[in-house]
Amino acid sequence: MAISLRGPAPRHRAEGAGYPAEVTAETSAPAPAKPAALLVGVTITVLAGAAMTGWGIYDMITGLTGDSAALGRSEYGGAVLLLMGLLPLLAGRALLRLRRWGRTPAVLTNSLFLAVAYFMWGGSGPMPALAPVAAVVGLVGVVSLLTPGVTAVLYRP
């Protein structure tokens, strides 16, 4: 009698054996619908992250091609903006996958629009005229991510 070290041979079921005919991979776990408010909040967050990332890359490139005295400041500032821009991009991706951790950095990013709007209001040139736009975008982003529908989808059992 031969003894197998691998254990008993696995049993293979015939396809669909033991399951009702109406249960398939598509019907077993339907994905919850994403509310429009979530998509609005994700869009604002991703656009802000893309803008910060782009500005960081721009700042780093201009630091390499510009004045050598400001090279260190420019590279450091560009790296900080680049890293600050990556978090909202990751948060937007997480929210699209309905991961609840993504809401906190997204709300934080959108609330920073309010601080930016405040300092734009006291600026010169076209900045005071653009300050209300920045404030409204920030408020829409925060409110859309904190609506009960978004909370229900992100914190479902």
N, C-alpha and C. Protein backbone atom coordinates (compact mmCIF):
# COMPACT_ATOMS: atom_id res chain seq x y z
N MET A 1 0.84 -1.17 0.00
CA MET A 1 0.00 0.00 0.00
C MET A 1 0.90 1.24 0.00
N ALA A 2 0.68 2.14 -0.96
CA ALA A 2 1.49 3.34 -1.09
C ALA A 2 0.86 4.47 -0.28
N ILE A 3 1.68 5.23 0.42
CA ILE A 3 1.22 6.36 1.21
C ILE A 3 1.62 7.64 0.48
N SER A 4 0.63 8.51 0.28
CA SER A 4 0.89 9.77 -0.41
C SER A 4 1.15 10.87 0.62
N LEU A 5 2.22 11.63 0.40
CA LEU A 5 2.54 12.74 1.30
C LEU A 5 1.73 13.98 0.96
N ARG A 6 1.07 13.99 -0.17
CA ARG A 6 0.31 15.15 -0.59
C ARG A 6 -1.11 15.17 -0.03
N GLY A 7 -1.53 14.15 0.59
CA GLY A 7 -2.90 14.11 1.11
C GLY A 7 -3.86 13.58 0.05
N PRO A 8 -5.12 13.59 0.36
CA PRO A 8 -6.09 13.05 -0.59
C PRO A 8 -6.16 13.92 -1.85
N ALA A 9 -6.49 13.29 -2.93
CA ALA A 9 -6.62 14.01 -4.19
C ALA A 9 -7.82 14.94 -4.11
N PRO A 10 -7.72 16.14 -4.66
CA PRO A 10 -8.86 17.06 -4.60
C PRO A 10 -10.02 16.57 -5.45
N ARG A 11 -11.19 16.85 -4.95
CA ARG A 11 -12.40 16.49 -5.70
C ARG A 11 -12.78 17.66 -6.58
N HIS A 12 -13.07 17.39 -7.80
CA HIS A 12 -13.49 18.43 -8.73
C HIS A 12 -14.99 18.31 -8.94
N ARG A 13 -15.66 19.41 -8.73
CA ARG A 13 -17.10 19.44 -8.96
C ARG A 13 -17.38 19.75 -10.42
N ALA A 14 -18.43 19.20 -10.87
CA ALA A 14 -18.88 19.59 -12.20
C ALA A 14 -19.34 21.04 -12.13
N GLU A 15 -19.18 21.77 -13.21
CA GLU A 15 -19.53 23.18 -13.21
C GLU A 15 -21.00 23.36 -12.83
N GLY A 16 -21.23 24.19 -11.82
CA GLY A 16 -22.58 24.47 -11.39
C GLY A 16 -23.14 23.44 -10.41
N ALA A 17 -22.38 22.41 -10.08
CA ALA A 17 -22.89 21.38 -9.18
C ALA A 17 -23.04 21.94 -7.78
N GLY A 18 -24.19 21.73 -7.18
CA GLY A 18 -24.44 22.18 -5.82
C GLY A 18 -24.95 23.59 -5.71
N TYR A 19 -25.08 24.31 -6.80
CA TYR A 19 -25.56 25.68 -6.78
C TYR A 19 -26.83 25.79 -7.61
N PRO A 20 -27.75 26.63 -7.17
CA PRO A 20 -28.94 26.85 -8.00
C PRO A 20 -28.55 27.45 -9.35
N ALA A 21 -29.33 27.20 -10.34
CA ALA A 21 -29.02 27.62 -11.70
C ALA A 21 -28.97 29.14 -11.83
N GLU A 22 -29.71 29.86 -10.99
CA GLU A 22 -29.75 31.32 -11.15
C GLU A 22 -28.59 32.04 -10.48
N VAL A 23 -27.75 31.35 -9.72
CA VAL A 23 -26.61 31.99 -9.06
C VAL A 23 -25.40 31.90 -9.97
N THR A 24 -24.90 33.05 -10.37
CA THR A 24 -23.69 33.13 -11.17
C THR A 24 -22.76 34.14 -10.52
N ALA A 25 -21.60 34.29 -11.08
CA ALA A 25 -20.65 35.26 -10.53
C ALA A 25 -21.20 36.68 -10.62
N GLU A 26 -22.00 36.95 -11.65
CA GLU A 26 -22.55 38.28 -11.82
C GLU A 26 -23.68 38.58 -10.84
N THR A 27 -24.45 37.58 -10.46
CA THR A 27 -25.59 37.82 -9.58
C THR A 27 -25.29 37.59 -8.12
N SER A 28 -24.16 37.00 -7.79
CA SER A 28 -23.91 36.66 -6.40
C SER A 28 -23.56 37.88 -5.55
N ALA A 29 -22.86 38.86 -6.09
CA ALA A 29 -22.49 40.02 -5.30
C ALA A 29 -22.63 41.28 -6.16
N PRO A 30 -23.83 41.83 -6.22
CA PRO A 30 -23.98 43.04 -7.04
C PRO A 30 -23.26 44.22 -6.40
N ALA A 31 -22.59 44.98 -7.21
CA ALA A 31 -21.90 46.16 -6.71
C ALA A 31 -22.92 47.26 -6.45
N PRO A 32 -22.79 47.94 -5.32
CA PRO A 32 -23.73 49.02 -5.05
C PRO A 32 -23.53 50.16 -6.04
N ALA A 33 -24.61 50.83 -6.34
CA ALA A 33 -24.54 51.96 -7.26
C ALA A 33 -23.82 53.12 -6.59
N LYS A 34 -23.03 53.83 -7.37
CA LYS A 34 -22.31 54.98 -6.84
C LYS A 34 -23.21 56.21 -6.97
N PRO A 35 -23.48 56.89 -5.86
CA PRO A 35 -24.32 58.08 -5.93
C PRO A 35 -23.63 59.20 -6.72
N ALA A 36 -24.42 60.05 -7.31
CA ALA A 36 -23.88 61.18 -8.08
C ALA A 36 -23.04 62.09 -7.20
N ALA A 37 -23.43 62.25 -5.94
CA ALA A 37 -22.66 63.10 -5.03
C ALA A 37 -21.25 62.55 -4.84
N LEU A 38 -21.11 61.25 -4.79
CA LEU A 38 -19.78 60.65 -4.67
C LEU A 38 -18.94 60.95 -5.91
N LEU A 39 -19.53 60.83 -7.07
CA LEU A 39 -18.80 61.11 -8.30
C LEU A 39 -18.39 62.57 -8.41
N VAL A 40 -19.26 63.48 -7.92
CA VAL A 40 -18.92 64.91 -7.92
C VAL A 40 -17.73 65.16 -6.99
N GLY A 41 -17.79 64.60 -5.79
CA GLY A 41 -16.69 64.77 -4.84
C GLY A 41 -15.39 64.16 -5.34
N VAL A 42 -15.47 63.00 -5.96
CA VAL A 42 -14.28 62.36 -6.51
C VAL A 42 -13.69 63.20 -7.63
N THR A 43 -14.54 63.74 -8.49
CA THR A 43 -14.07 64.56 -9.61
C THR A 43 -13.32 65.79 -9.10
N ILE A 44 -13.89 66.48 -8.13
CA ILE A 44 -13.24 67.67 -7.58
C ILE A 44 -11.92 67.29 -6.91
N THR A 45 -11.90 66.19 -6.18
CA THR A 45 -10.70 65.75 -5.48
C THR A 45 -9.60 65.37 -6.47
N VAL A 46 -9.96 64.62 -7.50
CA VAL A 46 -8.96 64.17 -8.48
C VAL A 46 -8.41 65.37 -9.27
N LEU A 47 -9.28 66.32 -9.62
CA LEU A 47 -8.79 67.50 -10.33
C LEU A 47 -7.83 68.32 -9.46
N ALA A 48 -8.14 68.43 -8.18
CA ALA A 48 -7.24 69.16 -7.27
C ALA A 48 -5.91 68.41 -7.14
N GLY A 49 -5.97 67.09 -7.02
CA GLY A 49 -4.74 66.30 -6.94
C GLY A 49 -3.91 66.40 -8.21
N ALA A 50 -4.58 66.37 -9.35
CA ALA A 50 -3.86 66.49 -10.62
C ALA A 50 -3.22 67.87 -10.75
N ALA A 51 -3.93 68.91 -10.30
CA ALA A 51 -3.38 70.26 -10.37
C ALA A 51 -2.15 70.39 -9.48
N MET A 52 -2.23 69.85 -8.25
CA MET A 52 -1.08 69.93 -7.35
C MET A 52 0.10 69.12 -7.87
N THR A 53 -0.17 67.94 -8.40
CA THR A 53 0.89 67.11 -8.95
C THR A 53 1.54 67.80 -10.15
N GLY A 54 0.72 68.33 -11.03
CA GLY A 54 1.24 69.03 -12.20
C GLY A 54 2.07 70.24 -11.82
N TRP A 55 1.58 71.00 -10.83
CA TRP A 55 2.33 72.19 -10.40
C TRP A 55 3.66 71.77 -9.76
N GLY A 56 3.66 70.68 -9.02
CA GLY A 56 4.91 70.20 -8.42
C GLY A 56 5.92 69.79 -9.48
N ILE A 57 5.46 69.10 -10.50
CA ILE A 57 6.36 68.70 -11.59
C ILE A 57 6.88 69.94 -12.32
N TYR A 58 5.98 70.89 -12.59
CA TYR A 58 6.37 72.13 -13.25
C TYR A 58 7.40 72.88 -12.42
N ASP A 59 7.18 72.96 -11.12
CA ASP A 59 8.09 73.67 -10.24
C ASP A 59 9.46 73.01 -10.23
N MET A 60 9.50 71.70 -10.23
CA MET A 60 10.77 70.99 -10.24
C MET A 60 11.52 71.19 -11.56
N ILE A 61 10.79 71.17 -12.67
CA ILE A 61 11.43 71.35 -13.98
C ILE A 61 11.96 72.77 -14.12
N THR A 62 11.16 73.76 -13.72
CA THR A 62 11.64 75.14 -13.84
C THR A 62 12.79 75.42 -12.88
N GLY A 63 12.85 74.71 -11.77
CA GLY A 63 13.98 74.87 -10.87
C GLY A 63 15.27 74.36 -11.48
N LEU A 64 15.18 73.30 -12.27
CA LEU A 64 16.38 72.78 -12.92
C LEU A 64 16.85 73.67 -14.06
N THR A 65 15.93 74.34 -14.71
CA THR A 65 16.30 75.17 -15.87
C THR A 65 16.47 76.64 -15.53
N GLY A 66 16.13 77.04 -14.31
CA GLY A 66 16.16 78.46 -13.95
C GLY A 66 17.37 78.84 -13.15
N ASP A 67 17.17 79.79 -12.25
CA ASP A 67 18.22 80.36 -11.41
C ASP A 67 18.78 79.30 -10.47
N SER A 68 20.10 79.19 -10.44
CA SER A 68 20.72 78.16 -9.61
C SER A 68 20.62 78.48 -8.12
N ALA A 69 20.44 79.75 -7.76
CA ALA A 69 20.32 80.12 -6.35
C ALA A 69 19.02 79.62 -5.75
N ALA A 70 17.97 79.54 -6.56
CA ALA A 70 16.66 79.09 -6.08
C ALA A 70 16.42 77.61 -6.35
N LEU A 71 17.45 76.89 -6.78
CA LEU A 71 17.28 75.49 -7.16
C LEU A 71 16.78 74.64 -6.01
N GLY A 72 17.38 74.76 -4.85
CA GLY A 72 16.99 73.94 -3.71
C GLY A 72 15.57 74.21 -3.26
N ARG A 73 15.22 75.49 -3.17
CA ARG A 73 13.84 75.84 -2.77
C ARG A 73 12.83 75.33 -3.78
N SER A 74 13.15 75.46 -5.04
CA SER A 74 12.23 75.06 -6.08
C SER A 74 12.05 73.55 -6.12
N GLU A 75 13.14 72.83 -5.98
CA GLU A 75 13.06 71.36 -6.00
C GLU A 75 12.31 70.85 -4.77
N TYR A 76 12.60 71.42 -3.63
CA TYR A 76 11.91 71.00 -2.39
C TYR A 76 10.42 71.31 -2.48
N GLY A 77 10.08 72.53 -2.91
CA GLY A 77 8.67 72.90 -3.04
C GLY A 77 7.96 72.04 -4.06
N GLY A 78 8.64 71.72 -5.15
CA GLY A 78 8.04 70.86 -6.17
C GLY A 78 7.81 69.45 -5.65
N ALA A 79 8.76 68.94 -4.88
CA ALA A 79 8.60 67.59 -4.31
C ALA A 79 7.45 67.56 -3.31
N VAL A 80 7.31 68.60 -2.51
CA VAL A 80 6.21 68.67 -1.54
C VAL A 80 4.87 68.72 -2.28
N LEU A 81 4.77 69.56 -3.30
CA LEU A 81 3.53 69.63 -4.07
C LEU A 81 3.23 68.32 -4.78
N LEU A 82 4.25 67.68 -5.29
CA LEU A 82 4.06 66.40 -5.96
C LEU A 82 3.49 65.36 -4.98
N LEU A 83 4.07 65.28 -3.81
CA LEU A 83 3.57 64.33 -2.81
C LEU A 83 2.18 64.71 -2.31
N MET A 84 1.94 66.01 -2.14
CA MET A 84 0.61 66.45 -1.70
C MET A 84 -0.45 66.17 -2.77
N GLY A 85 -0.06 66.18 -4.01
CA GLY A 85 -1.00 65.89 -5.09
C GLY A 85 -1.29 64.42 -5.26
N LEU A 86 -0.37 63.57 -4.86
CA LEU A 86 -0.60 62.13 -5.02
C LEU A 86 -1.66 61.61 -4.06
N LEU A 87 -1.75 62.16 -2.86
CA LEU A 87 -2.74 61.69 -1.89
C LEU A 87 -4.17 61.88 -2.38
N PRO A 88 -4.56 63.05 -2.90
CA PRO A 88 -5.92 63.16 -3.41
C PRO A 88 -6.18 62.24 -4.61
N LEU A 89 -5.17 61.99 -5.41
CA LEU A 89 -5.35 61.07 -6.53
C LEU A 89 -5.62 59.66 -6.02
N LEU A 90 -4.88 59.23 -5.01
CA LEU A 90 -5.11 57.91 -4.42
C LEU A 90 -6.45 57.87 -3.69
N ALA A 91 -6.82 58.97 -3.05
CA ALA A 91 -8.11 59.01 -2.36
C ALA A 91 -9.26 58.92 -3.34
N GLY A 92 -9.15 59.60 -4.48
CA GLY A 92 -10.19 59.50 -5.50
C GLY A 92 -10.32 58.10 -6.04
N ARG A 93 -9.19 57.43 -6.24
CA ARG A 93 -9.23 56.04 -6.70
C ARG A 93 -9.89 55.14 -5.65
N ALA A 94 -9.55 55.37 -4.40
CA ALA A 94 -10.14 54.57 -3.33
C ALA A 94 -11.65 54.79 -3.25
N LEU A 95 -12.09 56.03 -3.40
CA LEU A 95 -13.52 56.31 -3.34
C LEU A 95 -14.27 55.68 -4.51
N LEU A 96 -13.65 55.65 -5.67
CA LEU A 96 -14.30 54.98 -6.80
C LEU A 96 -14.42 53.48 -6.57
N ARG A 97 -13.53 52.92 -5.77
CA ARG A 97 -13.61 51.50 -5.40
C ARG A 97 -14.42 51.29 -4.12
N LEU A 98 -15.04 52.38 -3.65
CA LEU A 98 -15.89 52.38 -2.45
C LEU A 98 -15.12 51.98 -1.19
N ARG A 99 -13.89 52.45 -1.09
CA ARG A 99 -13.09 52.26 0.12
C ARG A 99 -13.31 53.47 1.02
N ARG A 100 -13.70 53.22 2.25
CA ARG A 100 -14.07 54.34 3.12
C ARG A 100 -12.88 55.19 3.55
N TRP A 101 -11.66 54.66 3.54
CA TRP A 101 -10.52 55.46 3.98
C TRP A 101 -10.27 56.64 3.05
N GLY A 102 -10.72 56.58 1.82
CA GLY A 102 -10.47 57.64 0.87
C GLY A 102 -11.24 58.92 1.14
N ARG A 103 -12.29 58.82 1.95
CA ARG A 103 -13.10 60.01 2.19
C ARG A 103 -12.38 61.05 3.04
N THR A 104 -11.60 60.65 4.01
CA THR A 104 -10.91 61.60 4.88
C THR A 104 -9.92 62.48 4.12
N PRO A 105 -8.99 61.92 3.33
CA PRO A 105 -8.10 62.82 2.59
C PRO A 105 -8.83 63.63 1.52
N ALA A 106 -9.93 63.09 0.98
CA ALA A 106 -10.70 63.84 -0.02
C ALA A 106 -11.39 65.04 0.62
N VAL A 107 -11.97 64.86 1.79
CA VAL A 107 -12.62 65.98 2.49
C VAL A 107 -11.56 67.00 2.91
N LEU A 108 -10.42 66.54 3.37
CA LEU A 108 -9.33 67.45 3.74
C LEU A 108 -8.87 68.27 2.54
N THR A 109 -8.69 67.62 1.42
CA THR A 109 -8.27 68.33 0.20
C THR A 109 -9.29 69.38 -0.21
N ASN A 110 -10.57 69.01 -0.17
CA ASN A 110 -11.61 69.95 -0.56
C ASN A 110 -11.77 71.09 0.44
N SER A 111 -11.51 70.83 1.70
CA SER A 111 -11.60 71.90 2.69
C SER A 111 -10.43 72.89 2.55
N LEU A 112 -9.32 72.44 1.99
CA LEU A 112 -8.20 73.36 1.75
C LEU A 112 -8.57 74.42 0.72
N PHE A 113 -9.55 74.15 -0.12
CA PHE A 113 -10.02 75.16 -1.07
C PHE A 113 -10.52 76.40 -0.32
N LEU A 114 -11.10 76.20 0.85
CA LEU A 114 -11.63 77.33 1.61
C LEU A 114 -10.50 78.23 2.11
N ALA A 115 -9.41 77.64 2.57
CA ALA A 115 -8.26 78.43 3.00
C ALA A 115 -7.63 79.15 1.81
N VAL A 116 -7.55 78.46 0.69
CA VAL A 116 -7.00 79.09 -0.52
C VAL A 116 -7.88 80.26 -0.94
N ALA A 117 -9.20 80.08 -0.88
CA ALA A 117 -10.12 81.15 -1.26
C ALA A 117 -9.96 82.36 -0.34
N TYR A 118 -9.75 82.12 0.94
CA TYR A 118 -9.57 83.21 1.89
C TYR A 118 -8.35 84.06 1.52
N PHE A 119 -7.24 83.40 1.21
CA PHE A 119 -6.03 84.15 0.86
C PHE A 119 -6.12 84.74 -0.54
N MET A 120 -6.89 84.14 -1.41
CA MET A 120 -7.10 84.73 -2.73
C MET A 120 -7.91 86.02 -2.62
N TRP A 121 -8.84 86.06 -1.68
CA TRP A 121 -9.69 87.24 -1.48
C TRP A 121 -8.86 88.47 -1.14
N GLY A 122 -7.79 88.28 -0.39
CA GLY A 122 -6.94 89.40 0.01
C GLY A 122 -5.83 89.69 -0.99
N GLY A 123 -5.78 88.95 -2.09
CA GLY A 123 -4.73 89.14 -3.08
C GLY A 123 -5.00 90.30 -4.01
N SER A 124 -4.22 90.36 -5.05
CA SER A 124 -4.37 91.44 -6.03
C SER A 124 -4.60 90.84 -7.41
N GLY A 125 -4.96 91.69 -8.33
CA GLY A 125 -5.22 91.24 -9.70
C GLY A 125 -6.53 90.47 -9.79
N PRO A 126 -6.53 89.36 -10.52
CA PRO A 126 -7.77 88.61 -10.70
C PRO A 126 -8.10 87.68 -9.52
N MET A 127 -7.21 87.58 -8.55
CA MET A 127 -7.41 86.64 -7.44
C MET A 127 -8.68 86.90 -6.63
N PRO A 128 -9.00 88.14 -6.25
CA PRO A 128 -10.24 88.34 -5.49
C PRO A 128 -11.49 87.94 -6.26
N ALA A 129 -11.47 88.04 -7.57
CA ALA A 129 -12.62 87.63 -8.37
C ALA A 129 -12.74 86.11 -8.44
N LEU A 130 -11.61 85.40 -8.34
CA LEU A 130 -11.62 83.93 -8.40
C LEU A 130 -11.83 83.29 -7.03
N ALA A 131 -11.72 84.06 -5.96
CA ALA A 131 -11.86 83.52 -4.61
C ALA A 131 -13.23 82.89 -4.38
N PRO A 132 -14.35 83.53 -4.78
CA PRO A 132 -15.64 82.87 -4.58
C PRO A 132 -15.77 81.55 -5.34
N VAL A 133 -15.15 81.46 -6.50
CA VAL A 133 -15.19 80.22 -7.27
C VAL A 133 -14.48 79.11 -6.50
N ALA A 134 -13.32 79.41 -5.96
CA ALA A 134 -12.57 78.42 -5.18
C ALA A 134 -13.36 78.00 -3.94
N ALA A 135 -14.02 78.98 -3.29
CA ALA A 135 -14.80 78.65 -2.09
C ALA A 135 -15.99 77.76 -2.44
N VAL A 136 -16.67 78.05 -3.53
CA VAL A 136 -17.83 77.24 -3.92
C VAL A 136 -17.40 75.83 -4.30
N VAL A 137 -16.29 75.70 -5.02
CA VAL A 137 -15.78 74.38 -5.39
C VAL A 137 -15.44 73.58 -4.14
N GLY A 138 -14.79 74.22 -3.18
CA GLY A 138 -14.46 73.53 -1.93
C GLY A 138 -15.69 73.10 -1.15
N LEU A 139 -16.68 74.00 -1.06
CA LEU A 139 -17.91 73.64 -0.34
C LEU A 139 -18.66 72.52 -1.03
N VAL A 140 -18.74 72.57 -2.34
CA VAL A 140 -19.43 71.50 -3.08
C VAL A 140 -18.71 70.18 -2.86
N GLY A 141 -17.39 70.18 -2.88
CA GLY A 141 -16.63 68.96 -2.65
C GLY A 141 -16.85 68.38 -1.26
N VAL A 142 -16.79 69.23 -0.25
CA VAL A 142 -16.98 68.74 1.12
C VAL A 142 -18.40 68.24 1.33
N VAL A 143 -19.38 69.03 0.92
CA VAL A 143 -20.78 68.64 1.13
C VAL A 143 -21.12 67.38 0.36
N SER A 144 -20.63 67.26 -0.86
CA SER A 144 -20.96 66.07 -1.65
C SER A 144 -20.38 64.80 -1.04
N LEU A 145 -19.22 64.89 -0.42
CA LEU A 145 -18.63 63.70 0.19
C LEU A 145 -19.21 63.37 1.56
N LEU A 146 -19.91 64.31 2.17
CA LEU A 146 -20.49 64.07 3.49
C LEU A 146 -22.00 63.85 3.46
N THR A 147 -22.59 63.68 2.29
CA THR A 147 -24.03 63.45 2.21
C THR A 147 -24.37 62.07 2.76
N PRO A 148 -25.61 61.90 3.24
CA PRO A 148 -26.00 60.60 3.78
C PRO A 148 -25.91 59.46 2.76
N GLY A 149 -26.18 59.75 1.49
CA GLY A 149 -26.09 58.70 0.47
C GLY A 149 -24.68 58.17 0.30
N VAL A 150 -23.71 59.07 0.31
CA VAL A 150 -22.32 58.66 0.19
C VAL A 150 -21.88 57.89 1.43
N THR A 151 -22.31 58.38 2.59
CA THR A 151 -21.97 57.67 3.84
C THR A 151 -22.56 56.27 3.83
N ALA A 152 -23.79 56.13 3.37
CA ALA A 152 -24.42 54.80 3.33
C ALA A 152 -23.68 53.85 2.41
N VAL A 153 -23.22 54.35 1.27
CA VAL A 153 -22.52 53.47 0.33
C VAL A 153 -21.14 53.08 0.87
N LEU A 154 -20.44 54.03 1.48
CA LEU A 154 -19.09 53.75 1.95
C LEU A 154 -19.08 52.92 3.23
N TYR A 155 -20.10 53.05 4.05
CA TYR A 155 -20.13 52.33 5.33
C TYR A 155 -21.21 51.26 5.35
N ARG A 156 -21.45 50.63 4.23
CA ARG A 156 -22.45 49.55 4.18
C ARG A 156 -21.88 48.32 4.91
N PRO A 157 -22.77 47.50 5.45
CA PRO A 157 -22.27 46.32 6.18
C PRO A 157 -21.65 45.28 5.27
